[in-house]
Amino acid sequence: SGVAGPWGRRCLGCGRCRGWGGLRGQWSLSCLLFPVPPETPPDHCHRMDSSLAGAPSPQPSRADGNVHLGPSANPNARPTDFDFLKVIGKGNYGKVLLAKHKSDGTFYAVKVLQKKSILKKKEQGHIMAERSVLLKNVRHPFLVGLRYSFQTPEKLYFVLDYVNGGELFFHLQRERRFLEPRARFYAAEVASAIGYLHSLNIIYRDLKPENILLDCQGHVVLTDFGLCKEGVEPEETTSTFCGTPEYLAPEVLRKEPYDRAVDWWCLGAVLYEMLHGLPPFYSQDVSQMYENILHQPLQIPGGRTVAACDLLEGLLHKDQRQRLGSKADFLEIKNHVFFSPINWDDLYHKRLTPPFNPNVAGPADLKNFDPEFTQEAVSKSIGCTPDTVASSSGASSAFLGFSYAQEDDDLLDC
């Protein structure tokens, strides 16, 4: 517990998340199973977001005319539309594959999830939540795009933008730490994406290096929206206990109502990790790490600029009311002196040259994916459209409203 494979730290706890992020691969559903605070019963392998686990199945929506209902595959999209080339990620509920659309040759990352596994763990609420966020006109240069989703009687399919520059976690573990200019660039792009989500009253709640991808040019792409909380107004709070251990804010651990400032705490933790190699309060002993987060003063090793230290102290303030970003949100982050070299308009429009180029040769270049996945054989069943008669009525009804296809003029340029 505490170490997973050649990348060093991870996994903290149950071990069932091995094979995600770093070792766990891209496009994860998150490490959603992890030890909980000491006073919680010892059955630590449980879903943290209790507000959605076991929730009633989402009701189908017909409002925008784009949602296709029913247990069978969307007639506008089906597995046989794709050539599934390589496995690029794997988790408890299914796999993520590099796929090439047969009609136009476009490459996608297709997340294929097993309905039975999701229903067994009562996780359908989180799957639908991720889909909901991706479909709510969420369009930002540093957020992954969902092109469309569909289902068969046994599986759910997310057709996502394909990003092959590697996880930030992958590069950070390889290089141990980044110089300030590089860390500033990534932190700025991430902050831009988080600020955008906040403007839509969405709290992200699971910011970590495993969920930050790099595209082929080296720009950030934030992925995995399974723990997002929608509809949280600027002055409102929520109380669901969820996240990833190393990045949990103190107010979450205290099980107090919290607001969007939890995302700025996570940004501080990720920035600290980029600069120093480990999260700020990290310990392989999870209980000790929680104690550190709650009570240990922030310790910043030497060698950092005054601006970097001040930003870290502001973002990692244990009192959420005093934390940087708690009052004016993203505006406070943008205006901090650490980001003074950043032209935010140029950043948003990707006019700034990334400090690191993944140097991928093309879509088929998989050097930034773990060979544990890419060397695995692709199951033939993933590309099949089974007979709808074989569908389980329970599995079908649990995912009504999942299938979705964009109108042609809504598709993003590749």
Protein backbone atom coordinates (compact mmCIF):
# COMPACT_ATOMS: atom_id res chain seq x y z
CA SER A 1 0.00 0.00 0.00
CA GLY A 2 1.44 3.36 -0.98
CA VAL A 3 3.60 2.22 -3.88
CA ALA A 4 2.53 0.90 -7.26
CA GLY A 5 5.13 -0.21 -9.71
CA PRO A 6 8.03 1.62 -11.33
CA TRP A 7 6.47 5.07 -11.15
CA GLY A 8 6.97 5.25 -7.38
CA ARG A 9 4.06 6.36 -5.20
CA ARG A 10 0.48 5.11 -5.71
CA CYS A 11 -1.73 3.33 -4.90
CA LEU A 12 -2.98 4.48 -1.50
CA GLY A 13 -5.13 1.76 -0.09
CA CYS A 14 -7.26 -0.87 -1.69
CA GLY A 15 -4.97 -1.57 -4.65
CA ARG A 16 -7.94 -2.09 -6.95
CA CYS A 17 -7.07 1.07 -8.82
CA ARG A 18 -3.74 -0.30 -10.03
CA GLY A 19 -3.68 -0.01 -13.77
CA TRP A 20 -4.93 3.59 -13.83
CA GLY A 21 -3.00 6.85 -14.08
CA GLY A 22 0.75 6.49 -14.59
CA LEU A 23 0.26 2.78 -14.31
CA ARG A 24 -3.46 3.48 -14.47
CA GLY A 25 -3.42 4.93 -18.00
CA GLN A 26 -5.27 7.79 -19.65
CA TRP A 27 -8.96 8.58 -19.69
CA SER A 28 -9.52 7.09 -16.27
CA LEU A 29 -12.72 7.18 -14.28
CA SER A 30 -10.47 8.28 -11.40
CA CYS A 31 -9.12 6.46 -8.44
CA LEU A 32 -12.54 6.56 -6.82
CA LEU A 33 -11.88 3.89 -4.24
CA PHE A 34 -9.58 4.88 -1.43
CA PRO A 35 -9.16 4.86 2.34
CA VAL A 36 -11.40 7.20 4.26
CA PRO A 37 -10.68 9.16 7.45
CA PRO A 38 -9.83 7.11 10.56
CA GLU A 39 -13.21 7.53 12.24
CA THR A 40 -14.94 5.90 9.25
CA PRO A 41 -15.70 2.16 9.47
CA PRO A 42 -12.83 -0.04 8.25
CA ASP A 43 -14.53 -1.04 5.00
CA HIS A 44 -12.40 1.53 3.20
CA CYS A 45 -13.04 0.36 -0.33
CA HIS A 46 -16.26 2.24 -0.84
CA ARG A 47 -17.35 5.01 -3.16
CA MET A 48 -16.76 8.39 -1.61
CA ASP A 49 -19.51 10.23 -3.44
CA SER A 50 -22.43 8.81 -1.48
CA SER A 51 -24.92 11.32 -2.83
CA LEU A 52 -24.96 9.59 -6.21
CA ALA A 53 -24.16 5.98 -5.41
CA GLY A 54 -27.33 3.99 -5.64
CA ALA A 55 -29.29 7.00 -6.87
CA PRO A 56 -32.37 6.45 -9.03
CA SER A 57 -31.66 5.96 -12.70
CA PRO A 58 -31.60 9.24 -14.64
CA GLN A 59 -34.77 10.05 -16.49
CA PRO A 60 -34.52 10.34 -20.27
CA SER A 61 -34.46 13.80 -21.77
CA ARG A 62 -35.77 14.82 -25.17
CA ALA A 63 -35.41 18.58 -24.79
CA ASP A 64 -32.67 19.23 -27.34
CA GLY A 65 -33.65 16.52 -29.82
CA ASN A 66 -30.16 15.00 -29.69
CA VAL A 67 -30.74 12.33 -27.06
CA HIS A 68 -31.53 8.84 -28.34
CA LEU A 69 -33.24 6.48 -25.93
CA GLY A 70 -33.62 2.75 -25.57
CA PRO A 71 -31.50 -0.32 -24.95
CA SER A 72 -30.05 -0.68 -28.43
CA ALA A 73 -27.18 1.16 -30.03
CA ASN A 74 -27.82 4.65 -31.34
CA PRO A 75 -28.70 4.20 -35.02
CA ASN A 76 -26.32 7.07 -35.77
CA ALA A 77 -23.37 5.37 -34.03
CA ARG A 78 -22.39 1.79 -33.31
CA PRO A 79 -19.26 -0.21 -32.50
CA THR A 80 -18.92 -1.44 -36.06
CA ASP A 81 -18.28 2.15 -37.16
CA PHE A 82 -14.77 1.85 -35.71
CA ASP A 83 -11.57 -0.08 -36.09
CA PHE A 84 -10.36 -0.59 -32.50
CA LEU A 85 -6.58 -0.53 -32.73
CA LYS A 86 -4.97 -0.51 -29.28
CA VAL A 87 -5.80 -0.58 -25.60
CA ILE A 88 -4.55 2.68 -24.04
CA GLY A 89 -6.14 2.47 -20.59
CA LYS A 90 -7.93 0.07 -18.29
CA GLY A 91 -10.00 0.16 -15.12
CA ASN A 92 -12.62 -1.54 -13.00
CA TYR A 93 -15.46 -1.04 -15.49
CA GLY A 94 -13.83 -1.41 -18.87
CA LYS A 95 -11.11 -0.13 -21.17
CA VAL A 96 -10.12 2.85 -23.26
CA LEU A 97 -9.06 2.18 -26.82
CA LEU A 98 -7.49 4.04 -29.67
CA ALA A 99 -10.07 3.76 -32.44
CA LYS A 100 -10.20 4.88 -36.04
CA HIS A 101 -13.52 5.81 -37.58
CA LYS A 102 -13.96 3.75 -40.71
CA SER A 103 -15.74 6.39 -42.78
CA ASP A 104 -13.38 9.35 -42.37
CA GLY A 105 -10.23 7.94 -40.77
CA THR A 106 -10.48 10.16 -37.68
CA PHE A 107 -8.80 8.85 -34.53
CA TYR A 108 -10.65 8.86 -31.21
CA ALA A 109 -10.17 7.61 -27.68
CA VAL A 110 -13.20 5.41 -27.02
CA LYS A 111 -14.00 4.58 -23.41
CA VAL A 112 -15.87 1.27 -23.35
CA LEU A 113 -17.58 0.42 -20.06
CA GLN A 114 -19.29 -2.77 -18.96
CA LYS A 115 -22.83 -2.11 -17.74
CA LYS A 116 -22.83 -5.11 -15.41
CA SER A 117 -19.73 -3.88 -13.58
CA ILE A 118 -21.16 -0.39 -13.19
CA LEU A 119 -24.52 -1.63 -11.93
CA LYS A 120 -22.89 -4.08 -9.53
CA LYS A 121 -21.07 -1.21 -7.82
CA LYS A 122 -24.05 1.16 -8.21
CA GLU A 123 -21.94 3.65 -10.15
CA GLN A 124 -24.39 4.54 -12.93
CA GLY A 125 -25.02 7.95 -11.36
CA HIS A 126 -21.36 8.92 -11.78
CA ILE A 127 -21.22 7.72 -15.37
CA MET A 128 -24.28 9.77 -16.22
CA ALA A 129 -22.84 12.74 -14.31
CA GLU A 130 -19.66 12.66 -16.40
CA ARG A 131 -21.69 12.47 -19.59
CA SER A 132 -23.95 15.28 -18.38
CA VAL A 133 -21.04 17.66 -17.80
CA LEU A 134 -19.45 16.84 -21.15
CA LEU A 135 -22.71 17.53 -22.98
CA LYS A 136 -23.68 20.80 -21.31
CA ASN A 137 -22.07 22.95 -23.98
CA VAL A 138 -18.75 22.57 -22.17
CA ARG A 139 -16.30 23.90 -24.75
CA HIS A 140 -12.85 25.04 -23.67
CA PRO A 141 -9.38 24.65 -25.24
CA PHE A 142 -8.06 22.82 -22.18
CA LEU A 143 -10.96 20.43 -21.57
CA VAL A 144 -11.38 17.10 -23.34
CA GLY A 145 -14.31 16.98 -25.74
CA LEU A 146 -16.96 14.29 -25.95
CA ARG A 147 -17.84 13.83 -29.60
CA TYR A 148 -20.73 11.48 -28.91
CA SER A 149 -21.84 8.54 -26.77
CA PHE A 150 -23.88 5.45 -27.49
CA GLN A 151 -24.69 2.08 -26.01
CA THR A 152 -25.27 -1.57 -26.78
CA PRO A 153 -27.12 -3.97 -24.49
CA GLU A 154 -23.89 -4.79 -22.65
CA LYS A 155 -21.67 -1.73 -23.00
CA LEU A 156 -21.48 2.06 -22.89
CA TYR A 157 -19.25 3.96 -25.33
CA PHE A 158 -17.76 7.43 -24.83
CA VAL A 159 -16.19 8.74 -28.06
CA LEU A 160 -13.65 11.29 -26.89
CA ASP A 161 -10.98 13.51 -28.37
CA TYR A 162 -7.80 11.48 -28.75
CA VAL A 163 -4.86 12.95 -26.85
CA ASN A 164 -1.51 11.17 -27.01
CA GLY A 165 1.03 13.51 -25.39
CA GLY A 166 0.84 11.54 -22.14
CA GLU A 167 -0.44 12.21 -18.65
CA LEU A 168 1.21 14.96 -16.66
CA PHE A 169 1.75 12.22 -14.06
CA PHE A 170 3.72 10.19 -16.61
CA HIS A 171 6.09 13.06 -17.41
CA LEU A 172 6.38 14.20 -13.81
CA GLN A 173 7.34 10.73 -12.61
CA ARG A 174 9.93 10.51 -15.37
CA GLU A 175 11.46 13.93 -14.70
CA ARG A 176 10.70 14.09 -10.96
CA ARG A 177 10.02 17.85 -10.95
CA PHE A 178 9.63 20.78 -13.33
CA LEU A 179 11.28 24.16 -13.41
CA GLU A 180 9.04 27.08 -12.51
CA PRO A 181 8.34 28.31 -16.07
CA ARG A 182 7.08 24.89 -17.12
CA ALA A 183 5.04 24.43 -13.93
CA ARG A 184 3.60 27.93 -14.37
CA PHE A 185 2.48 27.16 -17.91
CA TYR A 186 0.64 23.97 -16.93
CA ALA A 187 -0.85 25.58 -13.82
CA ALA A 188 -2.12 28.51 -15.88
CA GLU A 189 -3.81 26.29 -18.47
CA VAL A 190 -5.36 24.15 -15.75
CA ALA A 191 -6.53 27.24 -13.84
CA SER A 192 -8.12 28.57 -17.03
CA ALA A 193 -10.07 25.32 -17.43
CA ILE A 194 -11.12 25.23 -13.77
CA GLY A 195 -12.17 28.87 -13.88
CA TYR A 196 -14.31 28.12 -16.92
CA LEU A 197 -16.03 25.22 -15.16
CA HIS A 198 -16.68 27.47 -12.16
CA SER A 199 -18.26 30.03 -14.47
CA LEU A 200 -20.76 27.29 -15.38
CA ASN A 201 -21.34 26.59 -11.67
CA ILE A 202 -19.48 23.27 -11.91
CA ILE A 203 -16.98 22.18 -9.24
CA TYR A 204 -14.42 19.72 -10.65
CA ARG A 205 -13.31 18.06 -7.35
CA ASP A 206 -10.72 15.62 -8.69
CA LEU A 207 -7.78 17.63 -9.97
CA LYS A 208 -4.58 15.56 -9.99
CA PRO A 209 -1.72 14.85 -12.42
CA GLU A 210 -3.42 11.66 -13.65
CA ASN A 211 -6.36 13.70 -14.94
CA ILE A 212 -4.19 16.26 -16.74
CA LEU A 213 -3.20 15.11 -20.21
CA LEU A 214 -0.91 16.75 -22.75
CA ASP A 215 -1.89 17.00 -26.39
CA CYS A 216 0.52 16.40 -29.25
CA GLN A 217 1.81 19.98 -28.98
CA GLY A 218 2.19 19.98 -25.20
CA HIS A 219 -0.96 21.87 -24.17
CA VAL A 220 -2.99 20.72 -21.20
CA VAL A 221 -6.20 18.72 -21.66
CA LEU A 222 -8.20 18.17 -18.47
CA THR A 223 -10.22 14.94 -18.47
CA ASP A 224 -12.45 12.79 -16.26
CA PHE A 225 -15.59 14.55 -15.05
CA GLY A 226 -17.05 11.72 -12.97
CA LEU A 227 -16.78 13.63 -9.69
CA CYS A 228 -17.99 17.01 -10.96
CA LYS A 229 -20.77 18.71 -9.03
CA GLU A 230 -23.12 20.81 -11.13
CA GLY A 231 -25.39 23.68 -10.17
CA VAL A 232 -23.26 25.10 -7.35
CA GLU A 233 -23.75 28.88 -7.31
CA PRO A 234 -20.84 31.10 -6.15
CA GLU A 235 -22.18 31.42 -2.59
CA GLU A 236 -23.44 27.85 -2.30
CA THR A 237 -21.76 24.80 -0.79
CA THR A 238 -21.94 21.03 -1.10
CA SER A 239 -20.90 18.31 1.33
CA THR A 240 -20.23 15.08 -0.57
CA PHE A 241 -17.02 13.42 0.60
CA CYS A 242 -15.09 12.65 -2.59
CA GLY A 243 -11.78 13.19 -4.31
CA THR A 244 -8.34 11.56 -4.25
CA PRO A 245 -6.43 11.23 -0.95
CA GLU A 246 -3.30 13.29 -1.64
CA TYR A 247 -5.35 16.22 -2.93
CA LEU A 248 -8.25 16.36 -0.46
CA ALA A 249 -8.81 19.81 1.01
CA PRO A 250 -9.02 20.10 4.83
CA GLU A 251 -12.70 21.07 4.77
CA VAL A 252 -13.52 17.90 2.84
CA LEU A 253 -11.65 15.77 5.37
CA ARG A 254 -13.48 17.57 8.18
CA LYS A 255 -16.73 16.71 6.40
CA GLU A 256 -17.75 20.35 6.46
CA PRO A 257 -19.75 22.10 3.74
CA TYR A 258 -17.35 23.24 1.04
CA ASP A 259 -17.43 25.38 -2.08
CA ARG A 260 -15.45 25.81 -5.29
CA ALA A 261 -12.35 26.77 -3.29
CA VAL A 262 -11.62 23.02 -3.04
CA ASP A 263 -10.48 23.15 -6.67
CA TRP A 264 -7.97 25.90 -5.88
CA TRP A 265 -6.60 23.79 -3.04
CA CYS A 266 -6.12 20.96 -5.55
CA LEU A 267 -4.41 23.34 -7.97
CA GLY A 268 -2.02 24.28 -5.17
CA ALA A 269 -1.32 20.62 -4.44
CA VAL A 270 -0.65 19.86 -8.11
CA LEU A 271 1.60 22.92 -8.49
CA TYR A 272 3.51 21.92 -5.37
CA GLU A 273 3.95 18.42 -6.79
CA MET A 274 5.19 19.78 -10.11
CA LEU A 275 7.79 21.89 -8.31
CA HIS A 276 8.83 19.42 -5.60
CA GLY A 277 8.04 15.93 -6.84
CA LEU A 278 5.40 14.93 -4.29
CA PRO A 279 2.12 16.43 -3.05
CA PRO A 280 2.54 18.88 -0.16
CA PHE A 281 1.39 16.67 2.73
CA TYR A 282 2.17 13.27 1.26
CA SER A 283 2.75 10.19 3.39
CA GLN A 284 2.47 6.51 2.53
CA ASP A 285 0.55 6.20 5.79
CA VAL A 286 -2.87 7.48 4.74
CA SER A 287 -3.99 8.33 8.27
CA GLN A 288 -0.81 10.32 8.79
CA MET A 289 -1.32 12.11 5.48
CA TYR A 290 -4.81 13.16 6.56
CA GLU A 291 -3.36 14.43 9.83
CA ASN A 292 -0.76 16.37 7.85
CA ILE A 293 -3.41 17.94 5.62
CA LEU A 294 -5.50 18.94 8.61
CA HIS A 295 -2.84 20.13 11.04
CA GLN A 296 0.71 20.26 9.68
CA PRO A 297 1.95 23.70 8.56
CA LEU A 298 2.87 23.92 4.88
CA GLN A 299 6.57 23.32 4.38
CA ILE A 300 8.08 24.67 1.16
CA PRO A 301 11.62 23.49 0.33
CA GLY A 302 14.13 26.14 -0.62
CA GLY A 303 15.08 27.18 -4.10
CA ARG A 304 11.73 28.64 -5.14
CA THR A 305 10.94 32.24 -5.97
CA VAL A 306 9.05 34.42 -3.51
CA ALA A 307 6.14 34.54 -5.97
CA ALA A 308 5.90 30.73 -6.14
CA CYS A 309 6.01 30.39 -2.37
CA ASP A 310 3.35 33.06 -1.93
CA LEU A 311 1.06 31.39 -4.46
CA LEU A 312 1.45 27.99 -2.80
CA GLU A 313 0.73 29.48 0.61
CA GLY A 314 -2.36 31.20 -0.76
CA LEU A 315 -3.75 28.16 -2.56
CA LEU A 316 -2.95 25.74 0.27
CA HIS A 317 -4.44 27.83 3.06
CA LYS A 318 -6.25 25.43 5.38
CA ASP A 319 -9.08 27.92 5.99
CA GLN A 320 -11.15 27.88 2.80
CA ARG A 321 -12.46 31.38 3.59
CA GLN A 322 -8.91 32.75 3.49
CA ARG A 323 -7.71 30.67 0.55
CA LEU A 324 -6.66 32.38 -2.67
CA GLY A 325 -9.62 32.17 -5.01
CA SER A 326 -12.23 32.05 -2.24
CA LYS A 327 -13.54 35.55 -2.98
CA ALA A 328 -13.12 36.44 -6.66
CA ASP A 329 -12.40 32.88 -7.84
CA PHE A 330 -10.29 32.61 -11.01
CA LEU A 331 -9.68 36.38 -11.13
CA GLU A 332 -7.56 36.10 -7.97
CA ILE A 333 -5.46 33.37 -9.53
CA LYS A 334 -4.96 35.29 -12.78
CA ASN A 335 -3.85 38.40 -10.93
CA HIS A 336 -1.28 36.71 -8.71
CA VAL A 337 2.28 37.87 -9.32
CA PHE A 338 3.42 34.29 -10.05
CA PHE A 339 1.40 34.44 -13.28
CA SER A 340 2.56 37.92 -14.30
CA PRO A 341 4.59 36.50 -17.24
CA ILE A 342 1.38 34.95 -18.64
CA ASN A 343 -0.70 36.75 -21.25
CA TRP A 344 -4.01 35.10 -20.51
CA ASP A 345 -5.61 35.90 -23.84
CA ASP A 346 -2.67 34.39 -25.70
CA LEU A 347 -2.77 31.41 -23.36
CA TYR A 348 -6.46 30.77 -24.04
CA HIS A 349 -5.98 30.93 -27.80
CA LYS A 350 -2.88 28.69 -27.62
CA ARG A 351 -0.61 31.37 -28.96
CA LEU A 352 1.99 30.56 -26.29
CA THR A 353 4.52 27.89 -27.17
CA PRO A 354 4.40 25.02 -24.66
CA PRO A 355 7.64 24.54 -22.71
CA PHE A 356 7.71 20.84 -23.58
CA ASN A 357 6.89 19.07 -26.84
CA PRO A 358 5.90 15.40 -26.53
CA ASN A 359 7.30 14.87 -30.05
CA VAL A 360 4.73 12.33 -31.14
CA ALA A 361 5.03 11.19 -34.74
CA GLY A 362 1.27 10.97 -35.27
CA PRO A 363 -1.87 9.32 -33.89
CA ALA A 364 -0.29 5.88 -34.04
CA ASP A 365 2.63 7.00 -31.83
CA LEU A 366 1.87 5.42 -28.45
CA LYS A 367 5.18 6.00 -26.69
CA ASN A 368 3.45 8.03 -23.96
CA PHE A 369 1.14 5.14 -23.05
CA ASP A 370 2.09 2.30 -20.75
CA PRO A 371 3.10 -0.84 -22.71
CA GLU A 372 1.11 -2.81 -20.14
CA PHE A 373 -1.96 -1.60 -22.01
CA THR A 374 -0.80 -1.13 -25.58
CA GLN A 375 0.55 -4.68 -25.78
CA GLU A 376 -2.78 -6.16 -24.69
CA ALA A 377 -4.89 -7.77 -27.38
CA VAL A 378 -8.07 -5.93 -28.33
CA SER A 379 -11.15 -8.05 -27.63
CA LYS A 380 -13.22 -8.71 -30.73
CA SER A 381 -16.41 -8.18 -28.72
CA ILE A 382 -15.61 -4.48 -28.29
CA GLY A 383 -16.24 -3.82 -31.98
CA CYS A 384 -19.40 -5.88 -32.27
CA THR A 385 -23.02 -4.75 -32.13
CA PRO A 386 -24.81 -7.59 -30.34
CA ASP A 387 -28.40 -8.61 -30.83
CA THR A 388 -30.59 -6.28 -28.77
CA VAL A 389 -32.76 -9.24 -27.73
CA ALA A 390 -29.91 -10.36 -25.48
CA SER A 391 -30.17 -7.18 -23.44
CA SER A 392 -30.92 -7.26 -19.75
CA SER A 393 -33.94 -5.10 -19.07
CA GLY A 394 -32.41 -3.90 -15.79
CA ALA A 395 -29.16 -2.82 -17.46
CA SER A 396 -31.06 -1.11 -20.25
CA SER A 397 -33.39 0.90 -18.03
CA ALA A 398 -30.52 2.02 -15.83
CA PHE A 399 -28.90 3.88 -18.73
CA LEU A 400 -31.86 5.42 -20.50
CA GLY A 401 -30.81 8.71 -22.03
CA PHE A 402 -27.11 7.84 -22.24
CA SER A 403 -26.86 7.68 -26.03
CA TYR A 404 -26.13 10.99 -27.68
CA ALA A 405 -24.99 12.24 -31.05
CA GLN A 406 -23.98 15.78 -31.97
CA GLU A 407 -25.42 17.57 -34.94
CA ASP A 408 -22.91 17.82 -37.78
CA ASP A 409 -22.38 21.54 -37.28
CA ASP A 410 -21.65 20.98 -33.56
CA LEU A 411 -18.59 18.81 -34.19
CA LEU A 412 -15.28 20.35 -33.29
CA ASP A 413 -12.52 20.63 -35.83
CA CYS A 414 -9.96 17.84 -35.48
